[in-house]
Amino acid sequence: MTDLIKASNEAGVLTLVIDRPAKKNSLTDAMYKSLADALEAADRDATVRVVLLRGEGDAFTAGNDLGEFAASAAQGGSLPVNTARFLHALAALSKPLVAAVQGRAVGVGTTMLLHCDQVILAENALLSAPFVNLALVPEAASSLLLPARIGYARAFAVFALGEPIKAQDALAWGIANAVVPVEQLVATASDLAKKLAARPLGSLQATKTLMRDAAQLSRQIDVENDAFAARLRTAEAQEAFAAFAERRTPDFSKFT
């Protein structure tokens, strides 16, 4: 496991910490591998009853490391294999998954929350899914899950405009379970994870299976990943990533 993903197992709660605060916890392919490995192992490990996911520092995660993605786009575009593994591991996880979110949760930082069974937000949390701004498409089965959660019109705006969702709005829309002061975030999420760990695991897993169609989510992830990879190869995506690197506003008007 990369040292940018910290893991600890205490009293049945596996805590995974994204620990790259200097880069706002942006995720590299190596970090996705560590997260995928941990989630896949958690489902097989009898000592793990609940998984708690959080980020170190002042952000949950800034999403994909755009430098890495820009390099992929420049080389012809393909979705890194461990990114896809992580998304499928999220969909397949049978044990309860809790997230504690502070600050920015960008891209996959927001879409992964749709796979969490409980989400606790700090008051300063800002969720965003700016895929269209980067000339890409949503991932993590979010094109299916987000409209189901908050309605088509609102979900389309989240994707198409990429504007951040404040914590209280995310709570009102049903994306989160609670909003707490940032200094109480970790303790609140940890207490919730411990409560779940005390419940009968078989019953929790059976309930989660009834409430989620993991096979359907996995199929949707594959469809989205194909579209995502295709979009990485477009001139629009090249312009978006070039503009990011050059710290300017992209100009999509020249593309039809």
Protein backbone atom coordinates (compact mmCIF):
# COMPACT_ATOMS: atom_id res chain seq x y z
CA MET A 1 0.00 0.00 0.00
CA THR A 2 1.33 3.45 -0.91
CA ASP A 3 2.22 5.63 2.05
CA LEU A 4 -0.30 8.17 0.72
CA ILE A 5 -3.13 5.84 1.82
CA LYS A 6 -3.08 5.02 5.53
CA ALA A 7 -4.99 2.02 6.86
CA SER A 8 -5.84 0.94 10.39
CA ASN A 9 -8.25 -1.65 11.77
CA GLU A 10 -9.69 -1.07 15.22
CA ALA A 11 -12.68 -2.82 16.75
CA GLY A 12 -13.91 -4.00 13.37
CA VAL A 13 -13.63 -0.58 11.69
CA LEU A 14 -11.13 -0.35 8.84
CA THR A 15 -10.20 3.32 8.48
CA LEU A 16 -8.68 4.39 5.15
CA VAL A 17 -7.13 7.85 5.14
CA ILE A 18 -6.18 9.69 1.95
CA ASP A 19 -2.97 11.34 3.14
CA ARG A 20 -1.70 13.73 0.48
CA PRO A 21 -2.76 17.06 2.00
CA ALA A 22 -0.10 19.10 0.18
CA LYS A 23 -1.89 18.20 -3.07
CA LYS A 24 -5.41 18.44 -1.59
CA ASN A 25 -5.48 14.62 -1.50
CA SER A 26 -5.64 14.37 -5.29
CA LEU A 27 -5.54 10.73 -6.35
CA THR A 28 -2.86 9.07 -8.46
CA ASP A 29 -3.16 5.66 -10.08
CA ALA A 30 -0.94 4.22 -7.34
CA MET A 31 -3.30 5.61 -4.69
CA TYR A 32 -6.29 4.14 -6.52
CA LYS A 33 -4.49 0.78 -6.44
CA SER A 34 -4.04 1.01 -2.67
CA LEU A 35 -7.69 1.93 -2.17
CA ALA A 36 -8.89 -0.86 -4.48
CA ASP A 37 -6.64 -3.39 -2.76
CA ALA A 38 -7.95 -2.30 0.65
CA LEU A 39 -11.63 -2.47 -0.31
CA GLU A 40 -11.27 -5.84 -2.01
CA ALA A 41 -9.40 -7.22 1.00
CA ALA A 42 -11.94 -5.74 3.43
CA ASP A 43 -14.74 -7.81 1.93
CA ARG A 44 -12.68 -10.99 2.50
CA ASP A 45 -11.39 -10.07 5.97
CA ALA A 46 -13.55 -11.39 8.80
CA THR A 47 -12.02 -8.83 11.19
CA VAL A 48 -13.45 -5.93 9.12
CA ARG A 49 -17.10 -5.13 9.73
CA VAL A 50 -17.23 -1.49 8.50
CA VAL A 51 -15.02 0.68 6.30
CA LEU A 52 -14.51 4.37 7.12
CA LEU A 53 -13.04 6.60 4.43
CA ARG A 54 -11.68 10.07 5.13
CA GLY A 55 -9.05 12.56 3.99
CA GLU A 56 -6.21 14.26 5.85
CA GLY A 57 -5.83 18.04 5.95
CA ASP A 58 -8.33 20.64 4.78
CA ALA A 59 -9.83 18.69 1.85
CA PHE A 60 -11.45 15.29 1.40
CA THR A 61 -9.98 14.94 -2.09
CA ALA A 62 -9.48 17.19 -5.09
CA GLY A 63 -10.28 14.18 -7.26
CA ASN A 64 -8.00 12.79 -9.93
CA ASP A 65 -4.44 14.06 -10.16
CA LEU A 66 -4.98 16.23 -13.24
CA GLY A 67 -1.30 16.19 -14.16
CA GLU A 68 -1.46 12.42 -14.49
CA PHE A 69 -4.71 12.60 -16.43
CA ALA A 70 -3.34 15.30 -18.74
CA ALA A 71 -0.37 13.06 -19.51
CA SER A 72 -2.76 10.19 -20.28
CA ALA A 73 -4.80 12.41 -22.58
CA ALA A 74 -1.66 13.58 -24.39
CA GLN A 75 -0.65 9.95 -24.99
CA GLY A 76 -3.91 9.00 -26.64
CA GLY A 77 -6.19 8.67 -23.66
CA SER A 78 -7.09 5.66 -21.57
CA LEU A 79 -8.53 5.30 -18.11
CA PRO A 80 -5.81 4.06 -15.71
CA VAL A 81 -6.51 0.45 -14.78
CA ASN A 82 -6.49 1.03 -11.04
CA THR A 83 -9.03 3.82 -11.30
CA ALA A 84 -11.46 1.35 -12.81
CA ARG A 85 -10.55 -1.23 -10.14
CA PHE A 86 -11.36 1.22 -7.38
CA LEU A 87 -14.72 2.15 -8.90
CA HIS A 88 -15.69 -1.51 -9.26
CA ALA A 89 -14.53 -2.20 -5.70
CA LEU A 90 -16.84 0.57 -4.46
CA ALA A 91 -19.77 -0.96 -6.30
CA ALA A 92 -18.98 -4.49 -5.10
CA LEU A 93 -18.25 -3.76 -1.43
CA SER A 94 -20.78 -5.70 0.64
CA LYS A 95 -19.83 -4.23 4.02
CA PRO A 96 -21.04 -0.83 5.25
CA LEU A 97 -19.02 2.12 3.95
CA VAL A 98 -18.94 5.42 5.85
CA ALA A 99 -17.36 8.65 4.60
CA ALA A 100 -16.20 11.70 6.58
CA VAL A 101 -15.86 14.71 4.28
CA GLN A 102 -14.33 18.10 4.93
CA GLY A 103 -13.51 20.88 2.49
CA ARG A 104 -13.42 20.14 -1.21
CA ALA A 105 -14.70 16.85 -2.60
CA VAL A 106 -14.12 17.14 -6.35
CA GLY A 107 -15.03 14.71 -9.13
CA VAL A 108 -14.60 11.19 -7.79
CA GLY A 109 -14.50 12.80 -4.35
CA THR A 110 -18.20 13.46 -4.83
CA THR A 111 -19.22 10.49 -6.96
CA MET A 112 -17.72 7.94 -4.55
CA LEU A 113 -20.04 9.29 -1.85
CA LEU A 114 -22.97 7.85 -3.80
CA HIS A 115 -21.60 4.40 -2.97
CA CYS A 116 -21.29 5.15 0.74
CA ASP A 117 -23.99 3.91 3.09
CA GLN A 118 -23.53 6.84 5.46
CA VAL A 119 -21.96 10.22 4.71
CA ILE A 120 -21.01 12.79 7.34
CA LEU A 121 -20.07 16.25 6.07
CA ALA A 122 -18.22 19.02 7.81
CA GLU A 123 -19.88 22.42 7.62
CA ASN A 124 -17.19 23.58 5.19
CA ALA A 125 -17.67 20.69 2.76
CA LEU A 126 -18.11 21.61 -0.90
CA LEU A 127 -19.01 18.82 -3.34
CA SER A 128 -18.53 19.21 -7.08
CA ALA A 129 -18.52 17.06 -10.21
CA PRO A 130 -16.90 19.26 -12.90
CA PHE A 131 -16.51 16.53 -15.53
CA VAL A 132 -18.08 18.55 -18.33
CA ASN A 133 -15.78 21.48 -17.52
CA LEU A 134 -12.91 19.13 -18.41
CA ALA A 135 -14.74 17.89 -21.54
CA LEU A 136 -15.23 14.50 -19.87
CA VAL A 137 -18.22 12.53 -18.57
CA PRO A 138 -19.30 11.35 -15.10
CA GLU A 139 -17.93 8.10 -13.66
CA ALA A 140 -18.45 5.71 -10.71
CA ALA A 141 -21.97 4.95 -12.00
CA SER A 142 -22.88 8.49 -10.97
CA SER A 143 -24.79 9.04 -14.22
CA LEU A 144 -27.21 6.47 -12.80
CA LEU A 145 -26.93 7.08 -9.07
CA LEU A 146 -27.05 10.88 -8.87
CA PRO A 147 -30.29 11.39 -10.86
CA ALA A 148 -31.87 8.60 -8.81
CA ARG A 149 -30.80 10.37 -5.63
CA ILE A 150 -31.54 14.03 -6.38
CA GLY A 151 -33.60 14.06 -9.59
CA TYR A 152 -32.61 14.47 -13.24
CA ALA A 153 -32.74 18.24 -13.54
CA ARG A 154 -30.67 18.89 -10.43
CA ALA A 155 -28.18 16.12 -11.33
CA PHE A 156 -27.74 17.46 -14.87
CA ALA A 157 -26.93 20.89 -13.45
CA VAL A 158 -24.37 19.36 -11.07
CA PHE A 159 -22.61 17.66 -13.98
CA ALA A 160 -23.07 20.28 -16.71
CA LEU A 161 -22.21 23.37 -14.66
CA GLY A 162 -19.78 21.84 -12.20
CA GLU A 163 -20.72 24.30 -9.48
CA PRO A 164 -20.05 23.27 -5.87
CA ILE A 165 -22.80 21.96 -3.62
CA LYS A 166 -22.72 23.32 -0.09
CA ALA A 167 -22.93 20.91 2.82
CA GLN A 168 -26.42 21.91 3.91
CA ASP A 169 -27.72 21.55 0.34
CA ALA A 170 -26.12 18.11 0.06
CA LEU A 171 -27.89 17.17 3.28
CA ALA A 172 -31.23 18.51 2.05
CA TRP A 173 -30.85 16.69 -1.28
CA GLY A 174 -30.18 13.35 0.38
CA ILE A 175 -26.50 13.01 -0.48
CA ALA A 176 -25.45 13.15 3.18
CA ASN A 177 -26.77 12.00 6.54
CA ALA A 178 -25.50 14.81 8.75
CA VAL A 179 -23.51 18.04 8.78
CA VAL A 180 -21.29 18.77 11.77
CA PRO A 181 -18.62 21.31 12.74
CA VAL A 182 -15.31 20.39 11.16
CA GLU A 183 -13.68 19.75 14.53
CA GLN A 184 -16.33 17.10 15.26
CA LEU A 185 -16.19 15.37 11.88
CA VAL A 186 -13.79 12.50 12.56
CA ALA A 187 -15.27 11.69 15.97
CA THR A 188 -18.83 11.73 14.63
CA ALA A 189 -18.02 9.49 11.67
CA SER A 190 -15.96 7.15 13.86
CA ASP A 191 -18.77 6.81 16.39
CA LEU A 192 -21.21 6.03 13.59
CA ALA A 193 -18.86 3.40 12.13
CA LYS A 194 -18.53 1.80 15.58
CA LYS A 195 -22.32 1.68 15.95
CA LEU A 196 -22.60 -0.10 12.61
CA ALA A 197 -19.80 -2.48 13.56
CA ALA A 198 -21.85 -3.54 16.60
CA ARG A 199 -24.80 -4.55 14.42
CA PRO A 200 -25.14 -8.08 12.97
CA LEU A 201 -22.91 -8.01 9.91
CA GLY A 202 -24.82 -10.66 7.98
CA SER A 203 -28.02 -8.67 8.32
CA LEU A 204 -26.27 -5.43 7.26
CA GLN A 205 -24.81 -7.13 4.20
CA ALA A 206 -28.14 -8.69 3.24
CA THR A 207 -29.87 -5.33 3.63
CA LYS A 208 -27.27 -3.57 1.51
CA THR A 209 -27.58 -6.24 -1.18
CA LEU A 210 -31.35 -5.76 -1.29
CA MET A 211 -30.99 -1.98 -1.58
CA ARG A 212 -28.27 -1.90 -4.27
CA ASP A 213 -27.87 -3.76 -7.55
CA ALA A 214 -24.08 -4.19 -7.61
CA ALA A 215 -24.13 -5.89 -11.02
CA GLN A 216 -26.07 -3.01 -12.57
CA LEU A 217 -23.68 -0.49 -11.03
CA SER A 218 -20.70 -2.42 -12.36
CA ARG A 219 -22.16 -2.44 -15.87
CA GLN A 220 -22.81 1.30 -15.70
CA ILE A 221 -19.22 1.90 -14.56
CA ASP A 222 -17.96 0.01 -17.63
CA VAL A 223 -20.18 2.05 -19.96
CA GLU A 224 -19.05 5.31 -18.35
CA ASN A 225 -15.38 4.27 -18.41
CA ASP A 226 -15.57 3.60 -22.17
CA ALA A 227 -17.13 7.02 -22.72
CA PHE A 228 -14.59 8.64 -20.37
CA ALA A 229 -11.66 7.10 -22.24
CA ALA A 230 -13.13 8.19 -25.57
CA ARG A 231 -13.56 11.74 -24.26
CA LEU A 232 -9.92 11.81 -23.10
CA ARG A 233 -8.92 11.43 -26.75
CA THR A 234 -10.96 14.39 -27.99
CA ALA A 235 -9.71 17.83 -29.00
CA GLU A 236 -12.02 19.33 -26.38
CA ALA A 237 -10.28 17.39 -23.62
CA GLN A 238 -6.87 18.36 -24.98
CA GLU A 239 -7.93 22.00 -24.80
CA ALA A 240 -9.30 21.59 -21.28
CA PHE A 241 -6.10 20.05 -19.95
CA ALA A 242 -3.89 22.52 -21.82
CA ALA A 243 -5.87 25.38 -20.33
CA PHE A 244 -5.49 23.86 -16.86
CA ALA A 245 -1.72 23.56 -17.29
CA GLU A 246 -1.49 27.12 -18.64
CA ARG A 247 -3.80 28.53 -15.96
CA ARG A 248 -6.24 30.02 -18.45
CA THR A 249 -9.90 29.66 -19.35
CA PRO A 250 -10.46 26.97 -21.98
CA ASP A 251 -11.97 27.99 -25.30
CA PHE A 252 -14.39 25.36 -26.56
CA SER A 253 -16.00 27.64 -29.15
CA LYS A 254 -13.71 26.38 -31.91
CA PHE A 255 -15.03 22.82 -31.62
CA THR A 256 -18.30 21.73 -33.21
